[in-house]
Amino acid sequence: MNILIVGSGGREHSLAWAIKQNPKCDTLLVAPGNAGISEITECIDIDILDNSKVLQLVKNRSIDLVIIGPEGPLANGLSDTLIKENVLTFGASKAAAELESSKAFTKSICSSINASTAKYGLFRDKKKAKQYVRNHGLTIVIKADGLAAGKGVVVAMDQSTAFDAIEDMLDGAFGASSAEILIEEFMDGEEASFFVLSDGKNILPIGTAQDHKRAFDGDLGPNTGGMGAYSPAPILNTKVVDITLRTIIQPTIDEMAKRGTPYIGILYAGLMIKNGVPRLVEDNARFGEPECQVLMMRLGAQILDLILACLTNNLLTTKVQWAEDHAITVVMASKGYPGAYRNGSTISIEDGLVYDSQQMVFHAGTVKRDNILISNGGRVLNITARGESLLLARDKAYQIVKRISWPEGYYRSDIGWKAL
């Protein structure tokens, strides 16, 4: 098969790494890719938010399968454009991807299926939003309704923080994405991520993970898109998984089909678990970032077979082959992220570092200039390792981190602490 992966992050690097190992993959392209991806396969520098350009690339290179990585192209209707031209496409339709692109839409689904989630209010008016905060007290969560690259969430412990977040978001901190905001009750518990494939009717669980949202050790500092992750997530035991599938995920898939917008692709549910009871934090219409990196490290080449089963209505007869192992990824980010940061600093990765099925450095925000690796984003590298235990995987990952010289970067030193 000739396969195109759309995206440029660590998620897409890990997908490319895994899929390239599958003998069904003859040619693999990634658009636009990054410096790390270019070391394993061909990258095409195009605007992935221009659906016509992506379609033209697909036709010019005789692509058999397109895998859409990020949420932006999904919300932009790339999947619809490709499917209309009979291109086999893994990625939710624009209407189905609204589960991620609008938190208010997801809340409406939760109301229809009676799924457990946070109580909330929806606002465009600052005065009404602030009055809601006064009425409901603290701690409270303020969220941009639309896509904000994982950063449009403020957990306010005091009223001034809540009011500042309301002002910032409704003044356009995230553009059109925060023209409307949700104010939610704070859900206490342990957060985890659950991933399933859906063919529009049936579902197949393909893994669990936990990420670390806060920028600094001890879960301190601002929310980020994720500073590290590990898989599997111990909190998502068999009982919790069963409740989640029965009361949240399968009813969501059923409701989407009922509304005439069947959900086909990967669905990633962010859950808050307390006393063995899961509540939905959010739905995402793509693989997580950086959760995808640990999932791909554990799934390997079979991810392509699972994707094809999803697209050919064979989920019911498909099984995931799991090893009894663990994986962890440590994000190296530009100093200043998730706030202002500087691109263009030099990164040096020690020569002789072995990349294999047990350890990888997945690139996210990198470019190469004159054969020198340069930072080009907030989250830049994902140091990912696998082991028989989470402790072994963690130690291996941090040993690799020590072999990377990047004075302008930073990372958390406690990834995996919840499970360990």
Protein backbone atom coordinates (compact mmCIF):
# COMPACT_ATOMS: atom_id res chain seq x y z
CA MET A 1 0.00 0.00 0.00
CA ASN A 2 1.00 3.61 -0.59
CA ILE A 3 0.22 5.45 2.65
CA LEU A 4 0.14 9.14 3.55
CA ILE A 5 0.24 10.33 7.17
CA VAL A 6 -0.92 13.91 7.68
CA GLY A 7 0.81 15.86 10.46
CA SER A 8 4.15 17.00 11.83
CA GLY A 9 4.30 16.07 15.52
CA GLY A 10 5.58 13.33 17.77
CA ARG A 11 2.28 11.54 17.24
CA GLU A 12 2.91 11.37 13.49
CA HIS A 13 6.55 10.34 13.96
CA SER A 14 5.48 7.42 16.17
CA LEU A 15 2.72 6.41 13.73
CA ALA A 16 5.18 6.52 10.83
CA TRP A 17 7.74 4.50 12.79
CA ALA A 18 5.18 1.79 13.63
CA ILE A 19 3.44 1.63 10.24
CA LYS A 20 6.69 1.48 8.27
CA GLN A 21 7.45 -1.83 10.01
CA ASN A 22 4.31 -3.45 8.56
CA PRO A 23 4.91 -5.41 5.32
CA LYS A 24 1.61 -4.07 3.93
CA CYS A 25 3.27 -0.64 3.75
CA ASP A 26 5.09 -0.26 0.43
CA THR A 27 5.54 3.53 0.30
CA LEU A 28 5.08 5.93 3.20
CA LEU A 29 4.81 9.71 2.92
CA VAL A 30 4.30 12.20 5.74
CA ALA A 31 3.04 15.75 5.18
CA PRO A 32 4.59 18.01 6.28
CA GLY A 33 6.61 15.88 8.72
CA ASN A 34 9.64 17.03 10.71
CA ALA A 35 13.38 16.46 10.96
CA GLY A 36 13.02 13.14 12.78
CA ILE A 37 10.41 11.77 10.39
CA SER A 38 12.58 12.71 7.40
CA GLU A 39 15.23 10.30 8.69
CA ILE A 40 12.90 7.31 8.25
CA THR A 41 10.71 8.26 5.28
CA GLU A 42 9.88 10.98 2.74
CA CYS A 43 8.30 14.22 3.94
CA ILE A 44 6.23 16.55 1.74
CA ASP A 45 6.05 20.20 2.79
CA ILE A 46 2.46 21.27 2.09
CA ASP A 47 -0.27 23.17 3.94
CA ILE A 48 -2.35 20.40 5.53
CA LEU A 49 -5.22 22.83 6.13
CA ASP A 50 -5.58 23.23 2.36
CA ASN A 51 -7.77 20.23 1.53
CA SER A 52 -7.34 20.65 -2.22
CA LYS A 53 -3.54 20.49 -1.93
CA VAL A 54 -3.69 17.33 0.17
CA LEU A 55 -6.08 15.76 -2.32
CA GLN A 56 -3.78 16.67 -5.21
CA LEU A 57 -0.84 15.05 -3.42
CA VAL A 58 -2.91 11.91 -2.88
CA LYS A 59 -3.72 11.73 -6.60
CA ASN A 60 -0.23 12.58 -7.79
CA ARG A 61 1.42 9.92 -5.63
CA SER A 62 -1.27 7.22 -6.03
CA ILE A 63 -1.98 7.06 -2.30
CA ASP A 64 -4.13 4.11 -1.16
CA LEU A 65 -4.64 5.15 2.47
CA VAL A 66 -4.54 8.49 4.28
CA ILE A 67 -4.13 8.64 8.06
CA ILE A 68 -4.96 12.04 9.56
CA GLY A 69 -3.03 12.81 12.74
CA PRO A 70 -3.92 16.27 14.15
CA GLU A 71 -7.30 17.71 15.09
CA GLY A 72 -6.99 20.78 12.83
CA PRO A 73 -7.40 18.98 9.47
CA LEU A 74 -10.23 16.88 10.94
CA ALA A 75 -12.14 19.98 12.05
CA ASN A 76 -11.39 21.44 8.61
CA GLY A 77 -13.16 18.56 6.86
CA LEU A 78 -10.15 16.89 5.23
CA SER A 79 -11.62 13.45 5.79
CA ASP A 80 -14.85 14.48 4.01
CA THR A 81 -12.89 15.85 1.02
CA LEU A 82 -10.87 12.66 0.62
CA ILE A 83 -13.74 10.22 1.14
CA LYS A 84 -15.82 12.12 -1.43
CA GLU A 85 -13.05 11.24 -3.91
CA ASN A 86 -13.13 7.57 -2.83
CA VAL A 87 -9.84 7.75 -0.92
CA LEU A 88 -9.59 5.30 1.96
CA THR A 89 -9.23 7.65 4.93
CA PHE A 90 -8.63 7.11 8.64
CA GLY A 91 -9.96 10.17 10.42
CA ALA A 92 -13.36 11.31 11.63
CA SER A 93 -15.62 13.42 9.44
CA LYS A 94 -15.95 17.12 10.21
CA ALA A 95 -19.36 16.52 11.79
CA ALA A 96 -18.11 13.61 13.90
CA ALA A 97 -14.93 15.48 14.89
CA GLU A 98 -17.15 18.07 16.56
CA LEU A 99 -16.83 15.78 19.57
CA GLU A 100 -13.43 17.43 19.95
CA SER A 101 -13.79 20.74 18.17
CA SER A 102 -16.71 21.81 20.38
CA LYS A 103 -16.84 20.99 24.08
CA ALA A 104 -20.43 22.25 24.14
CA PHE A 105 -21.34 19.66 21.49
CA THR A 106 -19.81 16.89 23.59
CA LYS A 107 -21.82 18.09 26.59
CA SER A 108 -24.98 17.83 24.49
CA ILE A 109 -24.09 14.24 23.64
CA CYS A 110 -23.50 13.52 27.33
CA SER A 111 -26.93 14.94 28.16
CA SER A 112 -28.58 12.76 25.48
CA ILE A 113 -26.97 9.54 26.71
CA ASN A 114 -26.94 10.47 30.41
CA ALA A 115 -23.17 10.06 30.63
CA SER A 116 -21.44 11.17 33.79
CA THR A 117 -19.53 14.44 33.30
CA ALA A 118 -18.94 17.77 35.03
CA LYS A 119 -21.80 20.21 35.55
CA TYR A 120 -21.23 23.34 33.50
CA GLY A 121 -22.41 26.66 32.13
CA LEU A 122 -21.81 28.05 28.62
CA PHE A 123 -21.02 31.75 28.20
CA ARG A 124 -20.21 34.51 25.73
CA ASP A 125 -20.88 37.33 28.21
CA LYS A 126 -18.18 38.17 30.79
CA LYS A 127 -20.56 39.47 33.44
CA LYS A 128 -22.76 36.36 33.32
CA ALA A 129 -19.68 34.13 33.39
CA LYS A 130 -18.28 35.88 36.47
CA GLN A 131 -21.64 35.69 38.23
CA TYR A 132 -21.69 31.93 37.56
CA VAL A 133 -18.31 31.67 39.29
CA ARG A 134 -19.60 33.67 42.28
CA ASN A 135 -22.68 31.46 42.52
CA HIS A 136 -20.85 28.14 42.27
CA GLY A 137 -17.68 28.82 44.25
CA LEU A 138 -14.19 27.41 43.88
CA THR A 139 -12.29 25.37 42.68
CA ILE A 140 -13.67 25.83 39.15
CA VAL A 141 -12.52 25.12 35.59
CA ILE A 142 -12.67 27.55 32.66
CA LYS A 143 -12.37 26.09 29.15
CA ALA A 144 -12.33 27.48 25.62
CA ASP A 145 -15.14 25.75 23.71
CA GLY A 146 -13.05 25.11 20.59
CA LEU A 147 -9.61 23.75 19.73
CA ALA A 148 -6.74 25.34 21.65
CA ALA A 149 -3.86 22.84 21.26
CA GLY A 150 -4.45 21.45 24.75
CA LYS A 151 -3.85 24.81 26.42
CA GLY A 152 -7.35 26.35 26.59
CA VAL A 153 -8.05 25.13 30.12
CA VAL A 154 -7.56 27.00 33.41
CA VAL A 155 -8.11 25.35 36.77
CA ALA A 156 -8.90 28.31 39.03
CA MET A 157 -8.23 27.94 42.74
CA ASP A 158 -9.20 31.55 43.46
CA GLN A 159 -11.65 34.07 42.07
CA SER A 160 -9.06 36.41 40.54
CA THR A 161 -7.56 33.54 38.49
CA ALA A 162 -11.04 32.57 37.30
CA PHE A 163 -11.93 36.15 36.35
CA ASP A 164 -8.59 36.66 34.55
CA ALA A 165 -9.20 33.47 32.53
CA ILE A 166 -12.71 34.64 31.61
CA GLU A 167 -11.37 38.03 30.50
CA ASP A 168 -8.50 36.53 28.51
CA MET A 169 -10.54 33.88 26.73
CA LEU A 170 -13.53 36.06 25.86
CA ASP A 171 -11.12 38.78 24.70
CA GLY A 172 -9.80 36.30 22.12
CA ALA A 173 -6.82 34.57 23.75
CA PHE A 174 -7.54 31.57 21.53
CA GLY A 175 -9.25 33.38 18.68
CA ALA A 176 -12.60 32.00 17.59
CA SER A 177 -11.99 28.92 19.77
CA SER A 178 -12.66 30.97 22.92
CA ALA A 179 -15.50 33.12 21.58
CA GLU A 180 -17.59 30.88 23.82
CA ILE A 181 -16.38 29.34 27.07
CA LEU A 182 -17.46 26.58 29.41
CA ILE A 183 -17.24 26.96 33.16
CA GLU A 184 -17.28 23.58 34.87
CA GLU A 185 -17.23 22.11 38.31
CA PHE A 186 -13.81 20.82 39.30
CA MET A 187 -13.79 17.03 39.15
CA ASP A 188 -11.58 15.42 41.75
CA GLY A 189 -9.84 12.11 41.06
CA GLU A 190 -7.19 10.62 38.81
CA GLU A 191 -7.19 11.42 35.10
CA ALA A 192 -6.52 8.81 32.41
CA SER A 193 -6.90 8.32 28.67
CA PHE A 194 -8.82 5.50 26.99
CA PHE A 195 -8.47 4.78 23.24
CA VAL A 196 -10.91 2.87 21.04
CA LEU A 197 -11.40 2.34 17.33
CA SER A 198 -14.92 2.72 15.96
CA ASP A 199 -16.33 1.70 12.59
CA GLY A 200 -19.45 3.78 13.21
CA LYS A 201 -21.20 1.00 15.09
CA ASN A 202 -18.72 -1.35 16.77
CA ILE A 203 -15.77 -0.45 18.99
CA LEU A 204 -12.41 -2.03 19.74
CA PRO A 205 -10.36 -0.85 22.75
CA ILE A 206 -6.71 -0.42 21.75
CA GLY A 207 -5.03 0.89 24.88
CA THR A 208 -4.88 3.10 27.94
CA ALA A 209 -2.44 5.78 29.04
CA GLN A 210 -1.92 8.60 31.52
CA ASP A 211 -0.27 11.88 30.68
CA HIS A 212 1.12 14.73 32.75
CA LYS A 213 -0.55 18.02 31.84
CA ARG A 214 1.28 20.40 34.16
CA ALA A 215 4.56 21.92 33.07
CA PHE A 216 6.66 21.15 36.13
CA ASP A 217 7.48 18.35 38.58
CA GLY A 218 4.87 17.57 41.21
CA ASP A 219 2.07 18.55 38.80
CA LEU A 220 2.85 22.23 39.30
CA GLY A 221 2.74 25.10 36.83
CA PRO A 222 0.43 25.82 33.89
CA ASN A 223 -1.46 23.27 31.83
CA THR A 224 0.33 22.12 28.68
CA GLY A 225 -0.50 19.79 25.82
CA GLY A 226 1.26 17.09 27.84
CA MET A 227 4.79 16.77 29.26
CA GLY A 228 4.97 12.99 29.24
CA ALA A 229 2.87 9.83 29.35
CA TYR A 230 2.93 6.14 30.16
CA SER A 231 0.95 3.05 29.16
CA PRO A 232 -0.91 1.09 30.41
CA ALA A 233 -2.75 3.20 33.00
CA PRO A 234 -3.21 1.12 36.19
CA ILE A 235 -6.25 3.18 37.22
CA LEU A 236 -8.11 1.90 34.15
CA ASN A 237 -8.62 -1.63 35.45
CA THR A 238 -11.06 -4.14 33.96
CA LYS A 239 -13.99 -2.90 36.04
CA VAL A 240 -13.46 0.78 35.18
CA VAL A 241 -12.97 -0.07 31.49
CA ASP A 242 -16.23 -2.03 31.48
CA ILE A 243 -18.15 0.87 33.04
CA THR A 244 -16.58 3.33 30.59
CA LEU A 245 -17.47 1.25 27.55
CA ARG A 246 -21.00 0.57 28.76
CA THR A 247 -21.99 4.01 30.01
CA ILE A 248 -19.90 6.48 28.01
CA ILE A 249 -18.18 5.23 24.85
CA GLN A 250 -20.65 2.80 23.26
CA PRO A 251 -23.61 5.13 23.98
CA THR A 252 -21.64 7.99 22.36
CA ILE A 253 -21.04 5.93 19.22
CA ASP A 254 -24.72 4.92 19.17
CA GLU A 255 -25.87 8.54 19.61
CA MET A 256 -23.59 9.79 16.82
CA ALA A 257 -25.00 7.16 14.47
CA LYS A 258 -28.54 8.07 15.53
CA ARG A 259 -27.83 11.72 14.64
CA GLY A 260 -26.69 10.74 11.16
CA THR A 261 -23.01 11.50 11.82
CA PRO A 262 -21.43 8.07 12.42
CA TYR A 263 -18.10 8.17 14.20
CA ILE A 264 -15.41 6.30 12.24
CA GLY A 265 -11.81 6.43 13.42
CA ILE A 266 -9.97 6.72 16.72
CA LEU A 267 -11.86 8.05 19.72
CA TYR A 268 -9.84 9.07 22.75
CA ALA A 269 -11.79 9.67 25.93
CA GLY A 270 -10.22 11.70 28.70
CA LEU A 271 -11.62 10.36 31.96
CA MET A 272 -11.59 11.39 35.61
CA ILE A 273 -11.76 8.38 37.90
CA LYS A 274 -12.66 8.46 41.58
CA ASN A 275 -13.58 5.46 43.73
CA GLY A 276 -13.70 3.28 40.61
CA VAL A 277 -16.24 5.51 38.85
CA PRO A 278 -15.25 7.18 35.54
CA ARG A 279 -16.56 10.60 34.46
CA LEU A 280 -15.94 12.10 31.03
CA VAL A 281 -13.59 15.09 30.96
CA GLU A 282 -13.47 15.41 27.16
CA ASP A 283 -13.57 13.49 23.89
CA ASN A 284 -10.82 13.72 21.29
CA ALA A 285 -11.08 12.72 17.64
CA ARG A 286 -7.44 11.63 17.22
CA PHE A 287 -4.58 9.86 18.94
CA GLY A 288 -3.31 11.76 21.95
CA GLU A 289 -0.07 13.71 21.98
CA PRO A 290 2.10 12.41 23.71
CA GLU A 291 -0.02 9.30 24.50
CA CYS A 292 0.28 8.08 20.91
CA GLN A 293 4.02 7.65 21.36
CA VAL A 294 3.66 5.11 24.18
CA LEU A 295 0.80 3.31 22.42
CA MET A 296 2.80 2.96 19.20
CA MET A 297 5.84 1.73 21.13
CA ARG A 298 3.68 -1.06 22.54
CA LEU A 299 1.50 -1.79 19.47
CA GLY A 300 4.18 -1.59 16.79
CA ALA A 301 3.41 -2.68 13.22
CA GLN A 302 -0.02 -4.11 14.05
CA ILE A 303 -1.48 -0.58 14.25
CA LEU A 304 -1.82 -0.60 10.45
CA ASP A 305 -3.80 -3.85 10.58
CA LEU A 306 -6.06 -2.38 13.27
CA ILE A 307 -6.67 0.77 11.21
CA LEU A 308 -7.53 -1.30 8.13
CA ALA A 309 -9.90 -3.47 10.19
CA CYS A 310 -11.63 -0.28 11.38
CA LEU A 311 -12.09 0.98 7.81
CA THR A 312 -13.29 -2.36 6.39
CA ASN A 313 -15.87 -3.20 9.09
CA ASN A 314 -13.80 -6.02 10.58
CA LEU A 315 -13.47 -4.77 14.16
CA LEU A 316 -15.65 -7.54 15.59
CA THR A 317 -13.21 -10.21 14.39
CA THR A 318 -10.04 -8.28 15.26
CA LYS A 319 -7.96 -8.65 18.42
CA VAL A 320 -5.14 -6.53 19.74
CA GLN A 321 -1.97 -8.50 20.47
CA TRP A 322 -0.52 -7.08 23.67
CA ALA A 323 2.85 -7.88 25.20
CA GLU A 324 3.06 -7.78 28.98
CA ASP A 325 5.06 -4.58 28.90
CA HIS A 326 5.06 -0.88 29.73
CA ALA A 327 6.11 2.23 27.84
CA ILE A 328 6.88 5.78 28.90
CA THR A 329 7.64 9.01 27.05
CA VAL A 330 9.36 12.11 28.41
CA VAL A 331 8.72 15.38 26.58
CA MET A 332 11.57 17.83 26.12
CA ALA A 333 10.10 21.31 25.56
CA SER A 334 11.40 24.78 24.81
CA LYS A 335 11.95 26.90 27.91
CA GLY A 336 8.94 29.17 28.30
CA TYR A 337 6.44 26.64 26.92
CA PRO A 338 3.39 26.67 27.20
CA GLY A 339 3.88 30.45 27.21
CA ALA A 340 6.24 32.40 24.97
CA TYR A 341 9.33 30.51 23.81
CA ARG A 342 12.08 30.91 21.23
CA ASN A 343 12.59 28.70 18.19
CA GLY A 344 15.95 28.12 16.55
CA SER A 345 18.13 26.72 19.33
CA THR A 346 20.58 23.90 18.59
CA ILE A 347 19.95 20.36 19.88
CA SER A 348 22.70 17.77 20.08
CA ILE A 349 21.85 14.07 20.40
CA GLU A 350 24.82 11.90 21.34
CA ASP A 351 26.20 9.71 18.56
CA GLY A 352 25.75 5.97 18.88
CA LEU A 353 22.29 6.09 20.46
CA VAL A 354 20.45 2.92 19.39
CA TYR A 355 16.88 3.26 18.09
CA ASP A 356 14.83 0.07 18.08
CA SER A 357 11.57 -1.47 19.33
CA GLN A 358 12.65 -0.74 22.92
CA GLN A 359 13.67 2.91 22.70
CA MET A 360 13.10 5.82 20.33
CA VAL A 361 13.42 9.58 20.21
CA PHE A 362 10.28 10.80 18.46
CA HIS A 363 10.55 14.33 17.10
CA ALA A 364 7.74 16.87 17.43
CA GLY A 365 8.98 20.41 16.80
CA THR A 366 12.26 20.03 14.89
CA VAL A 367 13.89 21.11 11.62
CA LYS A 368 17.36 20.58 10.20
CA ARG A 369 19.57 23.39 8.88
CA ASP A 370 22.96 22.52 7.41
CA ASN A 371 22.59 19.10 9.04
CA ILE A 372 22.16 20.69 12.47
CA LEU A 373 19.05 19.81 14.52
CA ILE A 374 17.09 22.94 15.44
CA SER A 375 14.11 23.45 17.77
CA ASN A 376 10.91 24.52 16.02
CA GLY A 377 8.07 24.36 18.51
CA GLY A 378 6.97 24.22 22.12
CA ARG A 379 7.16 20.49 22.61
CA VAL A 380 10.21 19.35 20.66
CA LEU A 381 11.32 15.79 21.47
CA ASN A 382 9.63 12.70 22.95
CA ILE A 383 12.08 10.29 24.55
CA THR A 384 10.21 7.00 24.58
CA ALA A 385 11.19 3.64 26.07
CA ARG A 386 9.67 0.25 26.72
CA GLY A 387 10.32 -2.28 29.47
CA GLU A 388 8.99 -5.27 31.36
CA SER A 389 8.01 -2.87 34.13
CA LEU A 390 7.23 0.83 34.20
CA LEU A 391 10.26 1.40 36.42
CA LEU A 392 12.60 -0.19 33.86
CA ALA A 393 11.00 1.79 31.02
CA ARG A 394 11.29 5.02 33.02
CA ASP A 395 14.94 4.48 33.88
CA LYS A 396 15.74 3.70 30.25
CA ALA A 397 13.98 6.87 29.03
CA TYR A 398 15.79 9.15 31.47
CA GLN A 399 19.13 7.56 30.56
CA ILE A 400 18.47 8.64 26.97
CA VAL A 401 17.47 12.14 28.12
CA LYS A 402 20.94 12.51 29.66
CA ARG A 403 22.46 11.88 26.23
CA ILE A 404 20.73 14.90 24.73
CA SER A 405 22.32 18.35 25.06
CA TRP A 406 19.87 21.21 24.73
CA PRO A 407 20.43 24.13 27.13
CA GLU A 408 17.32 25.96 25.87
CA GLY A 409 15.07 22.99 26.67
CA TYR A 410 13.48 21.59 29.81
CA TYR A 411 11.65 18.45 30.92
CA ARG A 412 9.92 16.95 33.92
CA SER A 413 11.93 14.48 35.98
CA ASP A 414 8.93 12.67 37.51
CA ILE A 415 7.00 11.20 34.58
CA GLY A 416 5.21 8.05 35.74
CA TRP A 417 5.11 8.98 39.42
CA LYS A 418 1.40 8.28 39.79
CA ALA A 419 1.80 4.65 38.84
CA LEU A 420 5.17 4.19 40.54
